[in-house]
Amino acid sequence: MEKIEVGEVFLISDENDAEQEVEVIGTVTIEGTDYAAVSFVEDLQEETDEDIDIFFLKVDEEGDLAAIESDDEFEKVSAAFDEMMSEEQ
Protein backbone atom coordinates (compact mmCIF):
# COMPACT_ATOMS: atom_id res chain seq x y z
CA MET A 1 0.00 0.00 0.00
CA GLU A 2 1.30 3.44 -0.91
CA LYS A 3 1.49 6.05 1.82
CA ILE A 4 -0.59 9.18 1.41
CA GLU A 5 1.78 12.17 1.55
CA VAL A 6 1.17 15.71 2.77
CA GLY A 7 0.85 17.97 -0.27
CA GLU A 8 -0.72 15.35 -2.54
CA VAL A 9 -3.73 16.56 -4.51
CA PHE A 10 -6.72 14.31 -5.23
CA LEU A 11 -10.04 14.68 -7.01
CA ILE A 12 -13.05 13.72 -4.93
CA SER A 13 -16.72 13.74 -5.87
CA ASP A 14 -19.24 15.52 -3.68
CA GLU A 15 -22.84 14.47 -3.11
CA ASN A 16 -23.81 16.03 -6.46
CA ASP A 17 -21.04 14.11 -8.31
CA ALA A 18 -19.15 17.37 -8.91
CA GLU A 19 -15.40 16.84 -8.70
CA GLN A 20 -13.36 18.95 -6.30
CA GLU A 21 -9.59 19.07 -5.87
CA VAL A 22 -8.42 18.48 -2.31
CA GLU A 23 -4.92 18.66 -0.89
CA VAL A 24 -3.62 16.51 1.97
CA ILE A 25 -2.59 18.85 4.79
CA GLY A 26 -1.81 16.20 7.39
CA THR A 27 -1.78 12.47 8.08
CA VAL A 28 -2.04 10.37 11.22
CA THR A 29 -2.18 6.66 12.00
CA ILE A 30 -4.55 5.46 14.73
CA GLU A 31 -4.75 1.81 15.74
CA GLY A 32 -3.14 0.72 12.46
CA THR A 33 -5.42 2.77 10.21
CA ASP A 34 -4.12 5.77 8.24
CA TYR A 35 -6.17 8.96 8.05
CA ALA A 36 -5.71 12.13 6.03
CA ALA A 37 -6.83 15.67 6.75
CA VAL A 38 -7.70 17.39 3.47
CA SER A 39 -8.92 20.79 2.39
CA PHE A 40 -10.13 22.19 -0.91
CA VAL A 41 -7.18 23.37 -3.04
CA GLU A 42 -9.15 26.50 -3.92
CA ASP A 43 -9.50 27.41 -0.21
CA LEU A 44 -5.81 26.79 0.46
CA GLN A 45 -4.74 29.05 -2.42
CA GLU A 46 -6.87 31.99 -1.29
CA GLU A 47 -5.12 34.34 1.10
CA THR A 48 -7.81 35.05 3.64
CA ASP A 49 -8.25 35.31 7.38
CA GLU A 50 -11.30 33.04 7.26
CA ASP A 51 -11.09 29.49 8.56
CA ILE A 52 -10.75 26.81 5.91
CA ASP A 53 -12.85 23.66 5.82
CA ILE A 54 -10.90 20.56 6.79
CA PHE A 55 -12.18 17.06 6.15
CA PHE A 56 -10.92 13.81 7.63
CA LEU A 57 -10.79 10.77 5.39
CA LYS A 58 -9.75 7.17 6.01
CA VAL A 59 -7.18 5.49 3.79
CA ASP A 60 -8.58 2.09 2.79
CA GLU A 61 -6.67 -1.12 2.01
CA GLU A 62 -6.15 -0.07 -1.63
CA GLY A 63 -4.75 3.32 -0.61
CA ASP A 64 -7.91 5.16 -1.65
CA LEU A 65 -9.54 7.85 0.46
CA ALA A 66 -12.89 6.91 1.99
CA ALA A 67 -15.40 8.60 4.26
CA ILE A 68 -15.28 8.00 8.00
CA GLU A 69 -18.43 6.08 8.83
CA SER A 70 -18.96 6.46 12.57
CA ASP A 71 -19.12 9.44 14.94
CA ASP A 72 -16.81 7.65 17.40
CA GLU A 73 -14.17 7.13 14.73
CA PHE A 74 -14.51 10.75 13.59
CA GLU A 75 -14.07 12.02 17.18
CA LYS A 76 -10.89 9.93 17.62
CA VAL A 77 -9.41 11.21 14.36
CA SER A 78 -10.38 14.81 15.06
CA ALA A 79 -8.81 14.68 18.55
CA ALA A 80 -5.60 13.14 17.17
CA PHE A 81 -5.26 15.87 14.54
CA ASP A 82 -6.02 18.59 17.12
CA GLU A 83 -3.28 17.20 19.35
CA MET A 84 -0.84 16.98 16.44
CA MET A 85 -1.55 20.57 15.36
CA SER A 86 -1.16 21.96 18.88
CA GLU A 87 2.24 20.19 19.23
CA GLU A 88 3.45 21.86 16.03
CA GLN A 89 2.61 25.37 17.25
PDB file of N, CA and C in Angstrom:
ATOM      1  N   MET A   1       0.840  -1.189   0.000  1.00  0.00           N
ATOM      2  CA  MET A   1       0.000   0.000   0.000  1.00  0.00           C
ATOM      3  C   MET A   1       0.877   1.241   0.000  1.00  0.00           C
ATOM      4  N   GLU A   2       0.570   2.180  -0.883  1.00  0.00           N
ATOM      5  CA  GLU A   2       1.301   3.435  -0.915  1.00  0.00           C
ATOM      6  C   GLU A   2       0.843   4.333   0.223  1.00  0.00           C
ATOM      7  N   LYS A   3       1.813   5.088   0.771  1.00  0.00           N
ATOM      8  CA  LYS A   3       1.493   6.045   1.820  1.00  0.00           C
ATOM      9  C   LYS A   3       0.929   7.306   1.182  1.00  0.00           C
ATOM     10  N   ILE A   4      -0.071   7.871   1.814  1.00  0.00           N
ATOM     11  CA  ILE A   4      -0.585   9.179   1.410  1.00  0.00           C
ATOM     12  C   ILE A   4       0.379  10.223   1.965  1.00  0.00           C
ATOM     13  N   GLU A   5       0.799  11.165   1.141  1.00  0.00           N
ATOM     14  CA  GLU A   5       1.777  12.170   1.551  1.00  0.00           C
ATOM     15  C   GLU A   5       1.138  13.548   1.659  1.00  0.00           C
ATOM     16  N   VAL A   6       1.606  14.322   2.635  1.00  0.00           N
ATOM     17  CA  VAL A   6       1.173  15.706   2.768  1.00  0.00           C
ATOM     18  C   VAL A   6       1.551  16.447   1.487  1.00  0.00           C
ATOM     19  N   GLY A   7       0.618  17.233   0.964  1.00  0.00           N
ATOM     20  CA  GLY A   7       0.851  17.971  -0.268  1.00  0.00           C
ATOM     21  C   GLY A   7       0.266  17.304  -1.495  1.00  0.00           C
ATOM     22  N   GLU A   8      -0.107  16.019  -1.395  1.00  0.00           N
ATOM     23  CA  GLU A   8      -0.724  15.347  -2.537  1.00  0.00           C
ATOM     24  C   GLU A   8      -2.087  15.962  -2.819  1.00  0.00           C
ATOM     25  N   VAL A   9      -2.435  16.021  -4.087  1.00  0.00           N
ATOM     26  CA  VAL A   9      -3.726  16.564  -4.507  1.00  0.00           C
ATOM     27  C   VAL A   9      -4.541  15.438  -5.138  1.00  0.00           C
ATOM     28  N   PHE A  10      -5.807  15.348  -4.735  1.00  0.00           N
ATOM     29  CA  PHE A  10      -6.717  14.315  -5.231  1.00  0.00           C
ATOM     30  C   PHE A  10      -7.999  14.961  -5.721  1.00  0.00           C
ATOM     31  N   LEU A  11      -8.686  14.277  -6.615  1.00  0.00           N
ATOM     32  CA  LEU A  11     -10.037  14.675  -7.012  1.00  0.00           C
ATOM     33  C   LEU A  11     -11.018  13.817  -6.224  1.00  0.00           C
ATOM     34  N   ILE A  12     -11.989  14.456  -5.600  1.00  0.00           N
ATOM     35  CA  ILE A  12     -13.052  13.715  -4.932  1.00  0.00           C
ATOM     36  C   ILE A  12     -14.382  14.211  -5.477  1.00  0.00           C
ATOM     37  N   SER A  13     -15.383  13.370  -5.406  1.00  0.00           N
ATOM     38  CA  SER A  13     -16.722  13.743  -5.867  1.00  0.00           C
ATOM     39  C   SER A  13     -17.584  14.070  -4.667  1.00  0.00           C
ATOM     40  N   ASP A  14     -18.342  15.175  -4.771  1.00  0.00           N
ATOM     41  CA  ASP A  14     -19.244  15.522  -3.683  1.00  0.00           C
ATOM     42  C   ASP A  14     -20.582  14.816  -3.882  1.00  0.00           C
ATOM     43  N   GLU A  15     -21.546  15.153  -3.040  1.00  0.00           N
ATOM     44  CA  GLU A  15     -22.842  14.469  -3.107  1.00  0.00           C
ATOM     45  C   GLU A  15     -23.585  14.710  -4.415  1.00  0.00           C
ATOM     46  N   ASN A  16     -23.186  15.744  -5.167  1.00  0.00           N
ATOM     47  CA  ASN A  16     -23.811  16.025  -6.462  1.00  0.00           C
ATOM     48  C   ASN A  16     -22.966  15.503  -7.630  1.00  0.00           C
ATOM     49  N   ASP A  17     -21.964  14.663  -7.321  1.00  0.00           N
ATOM     50  CA  ASP A  17     -21.035  14.111  -8.305  1.00  0.00           C
ATOM     51  C   ASP A  17     -20.187  15.170  -9.003  1.00  0.00           C
ATOM     52  N   ALA A  18     -20.068  16.347  -8.392  1.00  0.00           N
ATOM     53  CA  ALA A  18     -19.155  17.368  -8.910  1.00  0.00           C
ATOM     54  C   ALA A  18     -17.775  17.073  -8.327  1.00  0.00           C
ATOM     55  N   GLU A  19     -16.744  17.136  -9.175  1.00  0.00           N
ATOM     56  CA  GLU A  19     -15.399  16.842  -8.698  1.00  0.00           C
ATOM     57  C   GLU A  19     -14.755  18.078  -8.100  1.00  0.00           C
ATOM     58  N   GLN A  20     -14.064  17.878  -6.995  1.00  0.00           N
ATOM     59  CA  GLN A  20     -13.357  18.946  -6.300  1.00  0.00           C
ATOM     60  C   GLN A  20     -11.926  18.486  -6.068  1.00  0.00           C
ATOM     61  N   GLU A  21     -10.965  19.402  -6.204  1.00  0.00           N
ATOM     62  CA  GLU A  21      -9.586  19.073  -5.871  1.00  0.00           C
ATOM     63  C   GLU A  21      -9.370  19.312  -4.389  1.00  0.00           C
ATOM     64  N   VAL A  22      -8.788  18.329  -3.711  1.00  0.00           N
ATOM     65  CA  VAL A  22      -8.424  18.483  -2.306  1.00  0.00           C
ATOM     66  C   VAL A  22      -6.947  18.186  -2.148  1.00  0.00           C
ATOM     67  N   GLU A  23      -6.335  18.863  -1.183  1.00  0.00           N
ATOM     68  CA  GLU A  23      -4.919  18.659  -0.893  1.00  0.00           C
ATOM     69  C   GLU A  23      -4.779  18.084   0.507  1.00  0.00           C
ATOM     70  N   VAL A  24      -3.890  17.115   0.654  1.00  0.00           N
ATOM     71  CA  VAL A  24      -3.621  16.514   1.968  1.00  0.00           C
ATOM     72  C   VAL A  24      -2.787  17.510   2.771  1.00  0.00           C
ATOM     73  N   ILE A  25      -3.313  17.895   3.948  1.00  0.00           N
ATOM     74  CA  ILE A  25      -2.590  18.848   4.790  1.00  0.00           C
ATOM     75  C   ILE A  25      -2.030  18.194   6.052  1.00  0.00           C
ATOM     76  N   GLY A  26      -2.358  16.926   6.251  1.00  0.00           N
ATOM     77  CA  GLY A  26      -1.809  16.199   7.387  1.00  0.00           C
ATOM     78  C   GLY A  26      -2.237  14.749   7.341  1.00  0.00           C
ATOM     79  N   THR A  27      -1.429  13.893   7.982  1.00  0.00           N
ATOM     80  CA  THR A  27      -1.781  12.469   8.079  1.00  0.00           C
ATOM     81  C   THR A  27      -1.507  11.995   9.498  1.00  0.00           C
ATOM     82  N   VAL A  28      -2.232  10.973   9.909  1.00  0.00           N
ATOM     83  CA  VAL A  28      -2.037  10.371  11.221  1.00  0.00           C
ATOM     84  C   VAL A  28      -2.454   8.904  11.123  1.00  0.00           C
ATOM     85  N   THR A  29      -1.810   8.068  11.931  1.00  0.00           N
ATOM     86  CA  THR A  29      -2.178   6.655  12.002  1.00  0.00           C
ATOM     87  C   THR A  29      -2.719   6.376  13.390  1.00  0.00           C
ATOM     88  N   ILE A  30      -3.919   5.805  13.450  1.00  0.00           N
ATOM     89  CA  ILE A  30      -4.553   5.464  14.726  1.00  0.00           C
ATOM     90  C   ILE A  30      -4.933   3.991  14.672  1.00  0.00           C
ATOM     91  N   GLU A  31      -4.426   3.240  15.642  1.00  0.00           N
ATOM     92  CA  GLU A  31      -4.746   1.814  15.743  1.00  0.00           C
ATOM     93  C   GLU A  31      -4.561   1.090  14.406  1.00  0.00           C
ATOM     94  N   GLY A  32      -3.468   1.406  13.701  1.00  0.00           N
ATOM     95  CA  GLY A  32      -3.141   0.719  12.462  1.00  0.00           C
ATOM     96  C   GLY A  32      -3.856   1.213  11.218  1.00  0.00           C
ATOM     97  N   THR A  33      -4.706   2.216  11.359  1.00  0.00           N
ATOM     98  CA  THR A  33      -5.421   2.771  10.206  1.00  0.00           C
ATOM     99  C   THR A  33      -4.897   4.172   9.922  1.00  0.00           C
ATOM    100  N   ASP A  34      -4.602   4.443   8.643  1.00  0.00           N
ATOM    101  CA  ASP A  34      -4.124   5.771   8.245  1.00  0.00           C
ATOM    102  C   ASP A  34      -5.311   6.675   7.934  1.00  0.00           C
ATOM    103  N   TYR A  35      -5.162   7.942   8.326  1.00  0.00           N
ATOM    104  CA  TYR A  35      -6.175   8.957   8.055  1.00  0.00           C
ATOM    105  C   TYR A  35      -5.491  10.180   7.460  1.00  0.00           C
ATOM    106  N   ALA A  36      -6.230  10.917   6.645  1.00  0.00           N
ATOM    107  CA  ALA A  36      -5.709  12.130   6.033  1.00  0.00           C
ATOM    108  C   ALA A  36      -6.652  13.291   6.322  1.00  0.00           C
ATOM    109  N   ALA A  37      -6.066  14.426   6.647  1.00  0.00           N
ATOM    110  CA  ALA A  37      -6.830  15.670   6.749  1.00  0.00           C
ATOM    111  C   ALA A  37      -6.651  16.377   5.415  1.00  0.00           C
ATOM    112  N   VAL A  38      -7.759  16.744   4.784  1.00  0.00           N
ATOM    113  CA  VAL A  38      -7.697  17.389   3.474  1.00  0.00           C
ATOM    114  C   VAL A  38      -8.518  18.676   3.498  1.00  0.00           C
ATOM    115  N   SER A  39      -8.163  19.560   2.578  1.00  0.00           N
ATOM    116  CA  SER A  39      -8.922  20.787   2.390  1.00  0.00           C
ATOM    117  C   SER A  39      -8.996  21.069   0.897  1.00  0.00           C
ATOM    118  N   PHE A  40      -9.987  21.845   0.502  1.00  0.00           N
ATOM    119  CA  PHE A  40     -10.126  22.186  -0.911  1.00  0.00           C
ATOM    120  C   PHE A  40      -8.931  23.023  -1.361  1.00  0.00           C
ATOM    121  N   VAL A  41      -8.330  22.662  -2.500  1.00  0.00           N
ATOM    122  CA  VAL A  41      -7.176  23.375  -3.036  1.00  0.00           C
ATOM    123  C   VAL A  41      -7.515  24.856  -3.215  1.00  0.00           C
ATOM    124  N   GLU A  42      -8.710  25.116  -3.696  1.00  0.00           N
ATOM    125  CA  GLU A  42      -9.146  26.496  -3.921  1.00  0.00           C
ATOM    126  C   GLU A  42      -9.090  27.315  -2.626  1.00  0.00           C
ATOM    127  N   ASP A  43      -9.533  26.721  -1.506  1.00  0.00           N
ATOM    128  CA  ASP A  43      -9.503  27.413  -0.213  1.00  0.00           C
ATOM    129  C   ASP A  43      -8.071  27.640   0.255  1.00  0.00           C
ATOM    130  N   LEU A  44      -7.204  26.675   0.014  1.00  0.00           N
ATOM    131  CA  LEU A  44      -5.810  26.793   0.456  1.00  0.00           C
ATOM    132  C   LEU A  44      -5.050  27.860  -0.325  1.00  0.00           C
ATOM    133  N   GLN A  45      -5.444  28.083  -1.580  1.00  0.00           N
ATOM    134  CA  GLN A  45      -4.737  29.046  -2.417  1.00  0.00           C
ATOM    135  C   GLN A  45      -5.179  30.482  -2.143  1.00  0.00           C
ATOM    136  N   GLU A  46      -6.373  30.654  -1.592  1.00  0.00           N
ATOM    137  CA  GLU A  46      -6.866  31.993  -1.289  1.00  0.00           C
ATOM    138  C   GLU A  46      -6.177  32.504  -0.028  1.00  0.00           C
ATOM    139  N   GLU A  47      -5.704  33.743  -0.089  1.00  0.00           N
ATOM    140  CA  GLU A  47      -5.117  34.341   1.104  1.00  0.00           C
ATOM    141  C   GLU A  47      -6.223  35.087   1.830  1.00  0.00           C
ATOM    142  N   THR A  48      -6.701  34.478   2.893  1.00  0.00           N
ATOM    143  CA  THR A  48      -7.813  35.050   3.635  1.00  0.00           C
ATOM    144  C   THR A  48      -7.648  34.744   5.114  1.00  0.00           C
ATOM    145  N   ASP A  49      -8.300  35.539   5.935  1.00  0.00           N
ATOM    146  CA  ASP A  49      -8.249  35.312   7.381  1.00  0.00           C
ATOM    147  C   ASP A  49      -9.332  34.333   7.825  1.00  0.00           C
ATOM    148  N   GLU A  50     -10.208  33.945   6.911  1.00  0.00           N
ATOM    149  CA  GLU A  50     -11.299  33.044   7.262  1.00  0.00           C
ATOM    150  C   GLU A  50     -10.763  31.633   7.478  1.00  0.00           C
ATOM    151  N   ASP A  51     -11.450  30.890   8.339  1.00  0.00           N
ATOM    152  CA  ASP A  51     -11.086  29.490   8.557  1.00  0.00           C
ATOM    153  C   ASP A  51     -11.356  28.692   7.288  1.00  0.00           C
ATOM    154  N   ILE A  52     -10.528  27.692   7.063  1.00  0.00           N
ATOM    155  CA  ILE A  52     -10.751  26.810   5.914  1.00  0.00           C
ATOM    156  C   ILE A  52     -11.440  25.547   6.400  1.00  0.00           C
ATOM    157  N   ASP A  53     -12.193  24.927   5.502  1.00  0.00           N
ATOM    158  CA  ASP A  53     -12.850  23.663   5.821  1.00  0.00           C
ATOM    159  C   ASP A  53     -11.822  22.543   5.730  1.00  0.00           C
ATOM    160  N   ILE A  54     -11.785  21.727   6.771  1.00  0.00           N
ATOM    161  CA  ILE A  54     -10.904  20.561   6.790  1.00  0.00           C
ATOM    162  C   ILE A  54     -11.763  19.322   6.926  1.00  0.00           C
ATOM    163  N   PHE A  55     -11.452  18.317   6.134  1.00  0.00           N
ATOM    164  CA  PHE A  55     -12.183  17.058   6.151  1.00  0.00           C
ATOM    165  C   PHE A  55     -11.228  15.935   6.512  1.00  0.00           C
ATOM    166  N   PHE A  56     -11.722  14.971   7.264  1.00  0.00           N
ATOM    167  CA  PHE A  56     -10.924  13.811   7.629  1.00  0.00           C
ATOM    168  C   PHE A  56     -11.407  12.616   6.822  1.00  0.00           C
ATOM    169  N   LEU A  57     -10.473  11.934   6.191  1.00  0.00           N
ATOM    170  CA  LEU A  57     -10.794  10.770   5.388  1.00  0.00           C
ATOM    171  C   LEU A  57      -9.931   9.599   5.819  1.00  0.00           C
ATOM    172  N   LYS A  58     -10.479   8.400   5.687  1.00  0.00           N
ATOM    173  CA  LYS A  58      -9.755   7.175   6.010  1.00  0.00           C
ATOM    174  C   LYS A  58      -9.075   6.669   4.747  1.00  0.00           C
ATOM    175  N   VAL A  59      -7.885   6.114   4.902  1.00  0.00           N
ATOM    176  CA  VAL A  59      -7.182   5.492   3.791  1.00  0.00           C
ATOM    177  C   VAL A  59      -7.505   4.003   3.834  1.00  0.00           C
ATOM    178  N   ASP A  60      -8.173   3.507   2.786  1.00  0.00           N
ATOM    179  CA  ASP A  60      -8.578   2.093   2.793  1.00  0.00           C
ATOM    180  C   ASP A  60      -7.427   1.184   2.371  1.00  0.00           C
ATOM    181  N   GLU A  61      -7.702  -0.120   2.298  1.00  0.00           N
ATOM    182  CA  GLU A  61      -6.665  -1.116   2.009  1.00  0.00           C
ATOM    183  C   GLU A  61      -5.994  -0.896   0.653  1.00  0.00           C
ATOM    184  N   GLU A  62      -6.713  -0.320  -0.302  1.00  0.00           N
ATOM    185  CA  GLU A  62      -6.148  -0.069  -1.634  1.00  0.00           C
ATOM    186  C   GLU A  62      -5.402   1.261  -1.709  1.00  0.00           C
ATOM    187  N   GLY A  63      -5.406   2.019  -0.604  1.00  0.00           N
ATOM    188  CA  GLY A  63      -4.748   3.318  -0.613  1.00  0.00           C
ATOM    189  C   GLY A  63      -5.655   4.440  -1.080  1.00  0.00           C
ATOM    190  N   ASP A  64      -6.945   4.142  -1.234  1.00  0.00           N
ATOM    191  CA  ASP A  64      -7.912   5.164  -1.651  1.00  0.00           C
ATOM    192  C   ASP A  64      -8.475   5.868  -0.426  1.00  0.00           C
ATOM    193  N   LEU A  65      -8.912   7.101  -0.625  1.00  0.00           N
ATOM    194  CA  LEU A  65      -9.537   7.853   0.460  1.00  0.00           C
ATOM    195  C   LEU A  65     -11.015   7.493   0.552  1.00  0.00           C
ATOM    196  N   ALA A  66     -11.490   7.291   1.768  1.00  0.00           N
ATOM    197  CA  ALA A  66     -12.889   6.909   1.989  1.00  0.00           C
ATOM    198  C   ALA A  66     -13.441   7.720   3.158  1.00  0.00           C
ATOM    199  N   ALA A  67     -14.742   7.856   3.174  1.00  0.00           N
ATOM    200  CA  ALA A  67     -15.402   8.600   4.258  1.00  0.00           C
ATOM    201  C   ALA A  67     -15.282   7.834   5.573  1.00  0.00           C
ATOM    202  N   ILE A  68     -15.236   8.593   6.665  1.00  0.00           N
ATOM    203  CA  ILE A  68     -15.277   7.996   8.000  1.00  0.00           C
ATOM    204  C   ILE A  68     -16.742   7.735   8.319  1.00  0.00           C
ATOM    205  N   GLU A  69     -17.039   6.500   8.700  1.00  0.00           N
ATOM    206  CA  GLU A  69     -18.432   6.077   8.827  1.00  0.00           C
ATOM    207  C   GLU A  69     -19.076   6.393  10.173  1.00  0.00           C
ATOM    208  N   SER A  70     -18.320   6.328  11.257  1.00  0.00           N
ATOM    209  CA  SER A  70     -18.965   6.460  12.570  1.00  0.00           C
ATOM    210  C   SER A  70     -18.541   7.742  13.286  1.00  0.00           C
ATOM    211  N   ASP A  71     -19.421   8.242  14.146  1.00  0.00           N
ATOM    212  CA  ASP A  71     -19.116   9.435  14.940  1.00  0.00           C
ATOM    213  C   ASP A  71     -17.954   9.187  15.888  1.00  0.00           C
ATOM    214  N   ASP A  72     -17.895   7.983  16.474  1.00  0.00           N
ATOM    215  CA  ASP A  72     -16.808   7.654  17.399  1.00  0.00           C
ATOM    216  C   ASP A  72     -15.459   7.708  16.685  1.00  0.00           C
ATOM    217  N   GLU A  73     -15.407   7.129  15.499  1.00  0.00           N
ATOM    218  CA  GLU A  73     -14.166   7.129  14.727  1.00  0.00           C
ATOM    219  C   GLU A  73     -13.783   8.561  14.363  1.00  0.00           C
ATOM    220  N   PHE A  74     -14.773   9.364  13.947  1.00  0.00           N
ATOM    221  CA  PHE A  74     -14.507  10.750  13.595  1.00  0.00           C
ATOM    222  C   PHE A  74     -13.945  11.514  14.797  1.00  0.00           C
ATOM    223  N   GLU A  75     -14.543  11.316  15.971  1.00  0.00           N
ATOM    224  CA  GLU A  75     -14.072  12.015  17.176  1.00  0.00           C
ATOM    225  C   GLU A  75     -12.625  11.653  17.494  1.00  0.00           C
ATOM    226  N   LYS A  76     -12.264  10.370  17.366  1.00  0.00           N
ATOM    227  CA  LYS A  76     -10.887   9.933  17.621  1.00  0.00           C
ATOM    228  C   LYS A  76      -9.910  10.609  16.662  1.00  0.00           C
ATOM    229  N   VAL A  77     -10.277  10.630  15.383  1.00  0.00           N
ATOM    230  CA  VAL A  77      -9.405  11.210  14.363  1.00  0.00           C
ATOM    231  C   VAL A  77      -9.284  12.714  14.568  1.00  0.00           C
ATOM    232  N   SER A  78     -10.384  13.374  14.834  1.00  0.00           N
ATOM    233  CA  SER A  78     -10.378  14.811  15.061  1.00  0.00           C
ATOM    234  C   SER A  78      -9.494  15.171  16.260  1.00  0.00           C
ATOM    235  N   ALA A  79      -9.618  14.424  17.346  1.00  0.00           N
ATOM    236  CA  ALA A  79      -8.814  14.679  18.548  1.00  0.00           C
ATOM    237  C   ALA A  79      -7.328  14.465  18.265  1.00  0.00           C
ATOM    238  N   ALA A  80      -7.006  13.422  17.501  1.00  0.00           N
ATOM    239  CA  ALA A  80      -5.604  13.140  17.172  1.00  0.00           C
ATOM    240  C   ALA A  80      -5.005  14.262  16.332  1.00  0.00           C
ATOM    241  N   PHE A  81      -5.762  14.773  15.358  1.00  0.00           N
ATOM    242  CA  PHE A  81      -5.262  15.869  14.537  1.00  0.00           C
ATOM    243  C   PHE A  81      -5.140  17.147  15.359  1.00  0.00           C
ATOM    244  N   ASP A  82      -6.109  17.409  16.254  1.00  0.00           N
ATOM    245  CA  ASP A  82      -6.022  18.593  17.116  1.00  0.00           C
ATOM    246  C   ASP A  82      -4.757  18.544  17.955  1.00  0.00           C
ATOM    247  N   GLU A  83      -4.466  17.375  18.519  1.00  0.00           N
ATOM    248  CA  GLU A  83      -3.283  17.201  19.350  1.00  0.00           C
ATOM    249  C   GLU A  83      -2.012  17.408  18.525  1.00  0.00           C
ATOM    250  N   MET A  84      -1.995  16.848  17.322  1.00  0.00           N
ATOM    251  CA  MET A  84      -0.841  16.976  16.437  1.00  0.00           C
ATOM    252  C   MET A  84      -0.597  18.446  16.068  1.00  0.00           C
ATOM    253  N   MET A  85      -1.672  19.160  15.759  1.00  0.00           N
ATOM    254  CA  MET A  85      -1.545  20.569  15.359  1.00  0.00           C
ATOM    255  C   MET A  85      -1.088  21.425  16.534  1.00  0.00           C
ATOM    256  N   SER A  86      -1.552  21.151  17.737  1.00  0.00           N
ATOM    257  CA  SER A  86      -1.159  21.956  18.883  1.00  0.00           C
ATOM    258  C   SER A  86       0.310  21.708  19.242  1.00  0.00           C
ATOM    259  N   GLU A  87       0.820  20.490  18.985  1.00  0.00           N
ATOM    260  CA  GLU A  87       2.236  20.188  19.226  1.00  0.00           C
ATOM    261  C   GLU A  87       3.144  20.930  18.263  1.00  0.00           C
ATOM    262  N   GLU A  88       2.649  21.187  17.039  1.00  0.00           N
ATOM    263  CA  GLU A  88       3.452  21.863  16.029  1.00  0.00           C
ATOM    264  C   GLU A  88       3.550  23.355  16.274  1.00  0.00           C
ATOM    265  N   GLN A  89       2.624  23.906  17.043  1.00  0.00           N
ATOM    266  CA  GLN A  89       2.607  25.371  17.251  1.00  0.00           C
ATOM    267  C   GLN A  89       3.460  25.793  18.384  1.00  0.00           C
TER     268      GLN A  89
END
